[in-house]
Amino acid sequence: MARTIDLFDMPDDDLDRRRANALSCARGYPSGCTNRAAEIRNASIPSDPMAGQSERVRQFCTYRSFDITCNSDNAWGCAMLGQAFRLGEGVEADPDEARSKYRLACALHPGPERERTEYAPCRFARNGLAAMGEPLDATD
């Protein structure tokens, strides 16, 4: 359901999509957890129950979600976990862990990315590595 809402360009503040991602996560689908955590991290809306939480709580929640999904071999979870380690969001900044998670994201979803989006997980991970001064092909 959440993916259908995404595909039909529903608004970013669509609480139904957030609920569908949360339900998907609760039912054990890693992509639902990754998407729900990304919503919490990237686009807070007043009607979202997580909006009332402190920044520290939101960051820890997203970090834990990305950690769980990366451990389930979800490429997006690993890419986002790399970012959490790079920026110190919900966890102490750790450049070595960031590099490791970014590289794992590319190993899980290496490309060439067939997705027609700039947000494919390995491309996102490569951009994170570049922000750290790593060569873009440092994912091998």
N, C-alpha and C. Protein backbone atom coordinates (compact mmCIF):
# COMPACT_ATOMS: atom_id res chain seq x y z
N MET A 1 0.82 -1.19 0.00
CA MET A 1 0.00 0.00 0.00
C MET A 1 0.86 1.26 0.00
N ALA A 2 1.89 1.27 0.85
CA ALA A 2 2.76 2.45 0.91
C ALA A 2 3.44 2.69 -0.43
N ARG A 3 3.88 1.62 -1.08
CA ARG A 3 4.54 1.77 -2.38
C ARG A 3 3.57 2.29 -3.43
N THR A 4 2.33 1.85 -3.40
CA THR A 4 1.32 2.34 -4.33
C THR A 4 1.09 3.84 -4.12
N ILE A 5 1.02 4.26 -2.88
CA ILE A 5 0.85 5.68 -2.59
C ILE A 5 2.05 6.45 -3.14
N ASP A 6 3.26 5.93 -2.95
CA ASP A 6 4.46 6.57 -3.50
C ASP A 6 4.38 6.69 -5.01
N LEU A 7 4.01 5.61 -5.68
CA LEU A 7 3.98 5.59 -7.13
C LEU A 7 2.99 6.58 -7.72
N PHE A 8 1.94 6.87 -6.98
CA PHE A 8 0.93 7.79 -7.49
C PHE A 8 1.11 9.20 -6.94
N ASP A 9 2.34 9.50 -6.51
CA ASP A 9 2.72 10.86 -6.11
C ASP A 9 1.79 11.48 -5.09
N MET A 10 1.49 10.73 -4.07
CA MET A 10 0.70 11.29 -2.99
C MET A 10 1.59 12.30 -2.25
N PRO A 11 1.00 13.21 -1.53
CA PRO A 11 1.80 14.24 -0.85
C PRO A 11 2.72 13.65 0.21
N ASP A 12 3.84 14.36 0.45
CA ASP A 12 4.81 13.91 1.44
C ASP A 12 4.21 13.83 2.84
N ASP A 13 3.19 14.61 3.10
CA ASP A 13 2.60 14.62 4.44
C ASP A 13 1.46 13.61 4.57
N ASP A 14 1.45 12.63 3.69
CA ASP A 14 0.38 11.64 3.69
C ASP A 14 0.56 10.66 4.84
N LEU A 15 -0.26 10.79 5.84
CA LEU A 15 -0.18 9.95 7.03
C LEU A 15 -0.52 8.49 6.71
N ASP A 16 -1.36 8.26 5.71
CA ASP A 16 -1.70 6.88 5.34
C ASP A 16 -0.47 6.12 4.87
N ARG A 17 0.40 6.75 4.09
CA ARG A 17 1.62 6.09 3.64
C ARG A 17 2.52 5.77 4.84
N ARG A 18 2.62 6.69 5.75
CA ARG A 18 3.44 6.47 6.94
C ARG A 18 2.89 5.31 7.77
N ARG A 19 1.59 5.24 7.89
CA ARG A 19 0.98 4.13 8.62
C ARG A 19 1.22 2.81 7.90
N ALA A 20 1.11 2.82 6.57
CA ALA A 20 1.34 1.60 5.79
C ALA A 20 2.79 1.15 5.94
N ASN A 21 3.74 2.07 5.93
CA ASN A 21 5.15 1.70 6.13
C ASN A 21 5.37 1.14 7.54
N ALA A 22 4.75 1.75 8.53
CA ALA A 22 4.89 1.26 9.91
C ALA A 22 4.30 -0.15 10.04
N LEU A 23 3.16 -0.38 9.43
CA LEU A 23 2.54 -1.70 9.46
C LEU A 23 3.41 -2.72 8.73
N SER A 24 3.93 -2.34 7.59
CA SER A 24 4.82 -3.21 6.83
C SER A 24 6.04 -3.59 7.67
N CYS A 25 6.58 -2.62 8.36
CA CYS A 25 7.74 -2.86 9.24
C CYS A 25 7.35 -3.82 10.36
N ALA A 26 6.21 -3.56 10.99
CA ALA A 26 5.76 -4.43 12.08
C ALA A 26 5.52 -5.86 11.62
N ARG A 27 5.18 -6.03 10.35
CA ARG A 27 4.94 -7.37 9.79
C ARG A 27 6.24 -8.02 9.31
N GLY A 28 7.39 -7.33 9.48
CA GLY A 28 8.67 -7.95 9.19
C GLY A 28 9.27 -7.66 7.83
N TYR A 29 8.77 -6.63 7.14
CA TYR A 29 9.31 -6.28 5.83
C TYR A 29 10.33 -5.16 5.99
N PRO A 30 11.62 -5.46 5.77
CA PRO A 30 12.66 -4.46 5.99
C PRO A 30 12.45 -3.15 5.23
N SER A 31 11.97 -3.21 4.01
CA SER A 31 11.81 -1.96 3.26
C SER A 31 10.78 -1.04 3.92
N GLY A 32 9.77 -1.60 4.56
CA GLY A 32 8.82 -0.77 5.29
C GLY A 32 9.48 -0.06 6.45
N CYS A 33 10.39 -0.75 7.14
CA CYS A 33 11.12 -0.14 8.25
C CYS A 33 12.05 0.96 7.76
N THR A 34 12.76 0.68 6.67
CA THR A 34 13.67 1.68 6.12
C THR A 34 12.89 2.92 5.68
N ASN A 35 11.78 2.70 5.00
CA ASN A 35 10.98 3.84 4.52
C ASN A 35 10.38 4.62 5.68
N ARG A 36 9.90 3.92 6.69
CA ARG A 36 9.32 4.62 7.85
C ARG A 36 10.37 5.44 8.56
N ALA A 37 11.56 4.87 8.74
CA ALA A 37 12.63 5.61 9.41
C ALA A 37 13.05 6.82 8.57
N ALA A 38 13.11 6.65 7.25
CA ALA A 38 13.47 7.78 6.39
C ALA A 38 12.42 8.89 6.48
N GLU A 39 11.15 8.52 6.59
CA GLU A 39 10.10 9.53 6.77
C GLU A 39 10.30 10.29 8.07
N ILE A 40 10.63 9.58 9.12
CA ILE A 40 10.86 10.23 10.42
C ILE A 40 12.06 11.16 10.31
N ARG A 41 13.10 10.70 9.65
CA ARG A 41 14.33 11.47 9.53
C ARG A 41 14.19 12.68 8.61
N ASN A 42 13.53 12.51 7.48
CA ASN A 42 13.58 13.51 6.43
C ASN A 42 12.38 14.44 6.34
N ALA A 43 11.25 14.04 6.83
CA ALA A 43 10.04 14.84 6.59
C ALA A 43 9.06 14.74 7.74
N SER A 44 9.32 15.48 8.78
CA SER A 44 8.42 15.48 9.92
C SER A 44 7.15 16.25 9.57
N ILE A 45 6.02 15.68 9.94
CA ILE A 45 4.74 16.37 9.76
C ILE A 45 4.01 16.37 11.10
N PRO A 46 3.23 17.40 11.38
CA PRO A 46 2.59 17.52 12.69
C PRO A 46 1.71 16.33 13.08
N SER A 47 1.07 15.69 12.11
CA SER A 47 0.16 14.60 12.45
C SER A 47 0.89 13.27 12.70
N ASP A 48 2.19 13.23 12.46
CA ASP A 48 2.97 12.02 12.69
C ASP A 48 3.26 11.89 14.18
N PRO A 49 2.95 10.74 14.79
CA PRO A 49 3.21 10.56 16.22
C PRO A 49 4.68 10.80 16.61
N MET A 50 5.60 10.56 15.70
CA MET A 50 7.02 10.78 16.02
C MET A 50 7.41 12.25 16.02
N ALA A 51 6.57 13.11 15.44
CA ALA A 51 6.90 14.54 15.36
C ALA A 51 7.04 15.16 16.75
N GLY A 52 6.32 14.65 17.73
CA GLY A 52 6.37 15.21 19.08
C GLY A 52 7.55 14.73 19.90
N GLN A 53 8.33 13.81 19.37
CA GLN A 53 9.48 13.29 20.10
C GLN A 53 10.69 14.22 19.94
N SER A 54 11.61 14.12 20.86
CA SER A 54 12.82 14.95 20.77
C SER A 54 13.68 14.50 19.59
N GLU A 55 14.54 15.37 19.15
CA GLU A 55 15.46 15.04 18.05
C GLU A 55 16.31 13.82 18.42
N ARG A 56 16.74 13.74 19.65
CA ARG A 56 17.55 12.60 20.11
C ARG A 56 16.78 11.29 19.96
N VAL A 57 15.52 11.29 20.36
CA VAL A 57 14.68 10.08 20.25
C VAL A 57 14.47 9.72 18.79
N ARG A 58 14.15 10.71 17.95
CA ARG A 58 13.92 10.43 16.53
C ARG A 58 15.19 9.87 15.88
N GLN A 59 16.34 10.47 16.19
CA GLN A 59 17.58 9.99 15.60
C GLN A 59 17.91 8.57 16.06
N PHE A 60 17.70 8.28 17.33
CA PHE A 60 17.98 6.93 17.81
C PHE A 60 17.03 5.92 17.16
N CYS A 61 15.77 6.29 17.02
CA CYS A 61 14.80 5.41 16.37
C CYS A 61 15.21 5.12 14.93
N THR A 62 15.61 6.14 14.20
CA THR A 62 15.99 5.91 12.80
C THR A 62 17.27 5.09 12.73
N TYR A 63 18.24 5.38 13.60
CA TYR A 63 19.47 4.59 13.63
C TYR A 63 19.16 3.11 13.86
N ARG A 64 18.35 2.81 14.87
CA ARG A 64 18.01 1.41 15.18
C ARG A 64 17.27 0.75 14.01
N SER A 65 16.38 1.49 13.39
CA SER A 65 15.65 0.94 12.24
C SER A 65 16.60 0.62 11.11
N PHE A 66 17.50 1.53 10.79
CA PHE A 66 18.45 1.29 9.70
C PHE A 66 19.40 0.14 10.05
N ASP A 67 19.78 0.03 11.31
CA ASP A 67 20.64 -1.07 11.75
C ASP A 67 19.93 -2.42 11.56
N ILE A 68 18.69 -2.47 11.96
CA ILE A 68 17.91 -3.71 11.81
C ILE A 68 17.75 -4.07 10.34
N THR A 69 17.40 -3.10 9.52
CA THR A 69 17.17 -3.41 8.10
C THR A 69 18.47 -3.73 7.38
N CYS A 70 19.56 -3.09 7.74
CA CYS A 70 20.85 -3.43 7.13
C CYS A 70 21.22 -4.86 7.49
N ASN A 71 20.97 -5.25 8.73
CA ASN A 71 21.25 -6.63 9.15
C ASN A 71 20.34 -7.64 8.46
N SER A 72 19.28 -7.14 7.82
CA SER A 72 18.38 -7.99 7.02
C SER A 72 18.74 -7.92 5.55
N ASP A 73 19.93 -7.40 5.25
CA ASP A 73 20.44 -7.27 3.87
C ASP A 73 19.58 -6.36 3.01
N ASN A 74 19.08 -5.28 3.58
CA ASN A 74 18.35 -4.26 2.84
C ASN A 74 19.34 -3.18 2.44
N ALA A 75 19.56 -3.02 1.13
CA ALA A 75 20.57 -2.08 0.63
C ALA A 75 20.29 -0.65 1.09
N TRP A 76 19.03 -0.23 1.03
CA TRP A 76 18.71 1.11 1.50
C TRP A 76 18.98 1.26 2.99
N GLY A 77 18.68 0.24 3.77
CA GLY A 77 18.97 0.30 5.20
C GLY A 77 20.46 0.51 5.46
N CYS A 78 21.29 -0.20 4.69
CA CYS A 78 22.75 -0.06 4.85
C CYS A 78 23.23 1.32 4.40
N ALA A 79 22.67 1.82 3.30
CA ALA A 79 23.06 3.15 2.83
C ALA A 79 22.71 4.21 3.88
N MET A 80 21.51 4.10 4.44
CA MET A 80 21.09 5.07 5.44
C MET A 80 21.84 4.88 6.76
N LEU A 81 22.20 3.65 7.08
CA LEU A 81 23.01 3.40 8.28
C LEU A 81 24.40 4.01 8.10
N GLY A 82 24.93 3.89 6.90
CA GLY A 82 26.21 4.56 6.61
C GLY A 82 26.12 6.05 6.87
N GLN A 83 25.02 6.65 6.45
CA GLN A 83 24.84 8.08 6.68
C GLN A 83 24.74 8.38 8.17
N ALA A 84 24.03 7.54 8.90
CA ALA A 84 23.92 7.76 10.34
C ALA A 84 25.31 7.74 10.99
N PHE A 85 26.14 6.79 10.60
CA PHE A 85 27.50 6.73 11.16
C PHE A 85 28.35 7.90 10.67
N ARG A 86 28.16 8.33 9.44
CA ARG A 86 28.95 9.46 8.92
C ARG A 86 28.60 10.75 9.65
N LEU A 87 27.31 10.97 9.88
CA LEU A 87 26.86 12.23 10.47
C LEU A 87 26.67 12.17 11.99
N GLY A 88 26.79 10.98 12.56
CA GLY A 88 26.57 10.85 14.00
C GLY A 88 25.12 11.06 14.38
N GLU A 89 24.22 10.49 13.59
CA GLU A 89 22.78 10.61 13.86
C GLU A 89 22.27 9.37 14.59
N GLY A 90 22.02 9.53 15.89
CA GLY A 90 21.52 8.44 16.70
C GLY A 90 22.60 7.51 17.19
N VAL A 91 23.81 7.75 16.78
CA VAL A 91 24.96 6.94 17.14
C VAL A 91 26.19 7.85 17.04
N GLU A 92 27.25 7.49 17.74
CA GLU A 92 28.47 8.29 17.64
C GLU A 92 29.04 8.17 16.23
N ALA A 93 29.46 9.28 15.67
CA ALA A 93 30.05 9.28 14.33
C ALA A 93 31.22 8.31 14.28
N ASP A 94 31.28 7.51 13.23
CA ASP A 94 32.34 6.51 13.07
C ASP A 94 32.61 6.35 11.57
N PRO A 95 33.63 7.05 11.06
CA PRO A 95 33.91 7.01 9.63
C PRO A 95 34.17 5.60 9.10
N ASP A 96 34.82 4.75 9.88
CA ASP A 96 35.08 3.39 9.41
C ASP A 96 33.78 2.60 9.26
N GLU A 97 32.88 2.73 10.21
CA GLU A 97 31.57 2.06 10.11
C GLU A 97 30.77 2.64 8.95
N ALA A 98 30.85 3.95 8.77
CA ALA A 98 30.14 4.58 7.65
C ALA A 98 30.62 3.99 6.32
N ARG A 99 31.92 3.93 6.14
CA ARG A 99 32.48 3.35 4.90
C ARG A 99 32.02 1.90 4.72
N SER A 100 32.07 1.14 5.80
CA SER A 100 31.68 -0.27 5.75
C SER A 100 30.23 -0.42 5.32
N LYS A 101 29.34 0.36 5.91
CA LYS A 101 27.91 0.25 5.59
C LYS A 101 27.62 0.76 4.18
N TYR A 102 28.29 1.83 3.77
CA TYR A 102 28.11 2.31 2.40
C TYR A 102 28.56 1.24 1.40
N ARG A 103 29.69 0.62 1.66
CA ARG A 103 30.18 -0.43 0.75
C ARG A 103 29.25 -1.64 0.74
N LEU A 104 28.70 -1.97 1.90
CA LEU A 104 27.75 -3.08 1.96
C LEU A 104 26.49 -2.77 1.15
N ALA A 105 26.03 -1.53 1.21
CA ALA A 105 24.86 -1.13 0.41
C ALA A 105 25.12 -1.39 -1.07
N CYS A 106 26.31 -1.05 -1.53
CA CYS A 106 26.64 -1.27 -2.95
C CYS A 106 26.83 -2.76 -3.26
N ALA A 107 27.34 -3.50 -2.31
CA ALA A 107 27.48 -4.94 -2.53
C ALA A 107 26.10 -5.60 -2.65
N LEU A 108 25.14 -5.10 -1.90
CA LEU A 108 23.79 -5.67 -1.93
C LEU A 108 23.00 -5.22 -3.16
N HIS A 109 23.30 -4.03 -3.66
CA HIS A 109 22.56 -3.46 -4.80
C HIS A 109 23.56 -2.67 -5.64
N PRO A 110 24.44 -3.36 -6.39
CA PRO A 110 25.59 -2.70 -6.99
C PRO A 110 25.31 -1.84 -8.21
N GLY A 111 24.31 -2.11 -8.98
CA GLY A 111 24.13 -1.40 -10.24
C GLY A 111 24.90 -2.13 -11.32
N PRO A 112 24.92 -1.70 -12.58
CA PRO A 112 24.40 -0.37 -12.88
C PRO A 112 22.92 -0.31 -12.51
N GLU A 113 22.60 0.77 -11.84
CA GLU A 113 21.28 0.88 -11.28
C GLU A 113 20.24 1.05 -12.37
N ARG A 114 19.34 0.13 -12.40
CA ARG A 114 18.28 0.18 -13.41
C ARG A 114 17.16 1.12 -12.98
N GLU A 115 17.15 1.45 -11.71
CA GLU A 115 16.12 2.37 -11.24
C GLU A 115 16.36 3.74 -11.87
N ARG A 116 15.32 4.36 -12.29
CA ARG A 116 15.43 5.70 -12.87
C ARG A 116 15.28 6.73 -11.76
N THR A 117 16.21 6.71 -10.87
CA THR A 117 16.14 7.64 -9.75
C THR A 117 17.55 7.95 -9.28
N GLU A 118 17.75 9.16 -8.86
CA GLU A 118 19.04 9.53 -8.29
C GLU A 118 19.19 8.98 -6.89
N TYR A 119 18.13 8.36 -6.38
CA TYR A 119 18.14 7.88 -5.01
C TYR A 119 18.36 6.38 -4.88
N ALA A 120 18.88 5.74 -5.93
CA ALA A 120 19.18 4.32 -5.82
C ALA A 120 20.22 4.14 -4.70
N PRO A 121 20.14 3.05 -3.94
CA PRO A 121 20.96 2.92 -2.73
C PRO A 121 22.47 3.01 -2.96
N CYS A 122 22.98 2.39 -4.00
CA CYS A 122 24.42 2.44 -4.21
C CYS A 122 24.86 3.85 -4.63
N ARG A 123 24.07 4.51 -5.42
CA ARG A 123 24.40 5.89 -5.81
C ARG A 123 24.42 6.77 -4.57
N PHE A 124 23.43 6.59 -3.69
CA PHE A 124 23.39 7.34 -2.44
C PHE A 124 24.64 7.05 -1.61
N ALA A 125 25.01 5.77 -1.54
CA ALA A 125 26.19 5.36 -0.77
C ALA A 125 27.47 5.96 -1.38
N ARG A 126 27.57 5.93 -2.69
CA ARG A 126 28.74 6.52 -3.35
C ARG A 126 28.84 8.01 -3.06
N ASN A 127 27.71 8.68 -3.04
CA ASN A 127 27.71 10.11 -2.71
C ASN A 127 28.17 10.32 -1.26
N GLY A 128 27.76 9.43 -0.36
CA GLY A 128 28.22 9.51 1.02
C GLY A 128 29.72 9.31 1.12
N LEU A 129 30.23 8.34 0.37
CA LEU A 129 31.68 8.12 0.35
C LEU A 129 32.41 9.34 -0.21
N ALA A 130 31.85 9.92 -1.27
CA ALA A 130 32.46 11.11 -1.86
C ALA A 130 32.51 12.26 -0.85
N ALA A 131 31.45 12.40 -0.05
CA ALA A 131 31.41 13.44 0.98
C ALA A 131 32.50 13.22 2.02
N MET A 132 32.95 11.97 2.14
CA MET A 132 34.02 11.63 3.09
C MET A 132 35.39 11.71 2.42
N GLY A 133 35.41 12.11 1.15
CA GLY A 133 36.68 12.20 0.44
C GLY A 133 37.14 10.88 -0.16
N GLU A 134 36.24 9.91 -0.22
CA GLU A 134 36.57 8.60 -0.79
C GLU A 134 36.27 8.63 -2.29
N PRO A 135 37.05 7.89 -3.07
CA PRO A 135 36.72 7.80 -4.50
C PRO A 135 35.36 7.17 -4.70
N LEU A 136 34.66 7.61 -5.74
CA LEU A 136 33.31 7.09 -5.98
C LEU A 136 33.30 5.60 -6.26
N ASP A 137 34.40 5.05 -6.73
CA ASP A 137 34.43 3.61 -7.02
C ASP A 137 35.01 2.81 -5.87
N ALA A 138 35.04 3.40 -4.68
CA ALA A 138 35.62 2.73 -3.51
C ALA A 138 34.67 1.71 -2.90
N THR A 139 33.73 1.24 -3.67
CA THR A 139 32.73 0.32 -3.13
C THR A 139 33.02 -1.13 -3.50
N ASP A 140 34.09 -1.39 -4.22
CA ASP A 140 34.42 -2.76 -4.63
C ASP A 140 34.99 -3.57 -3.50
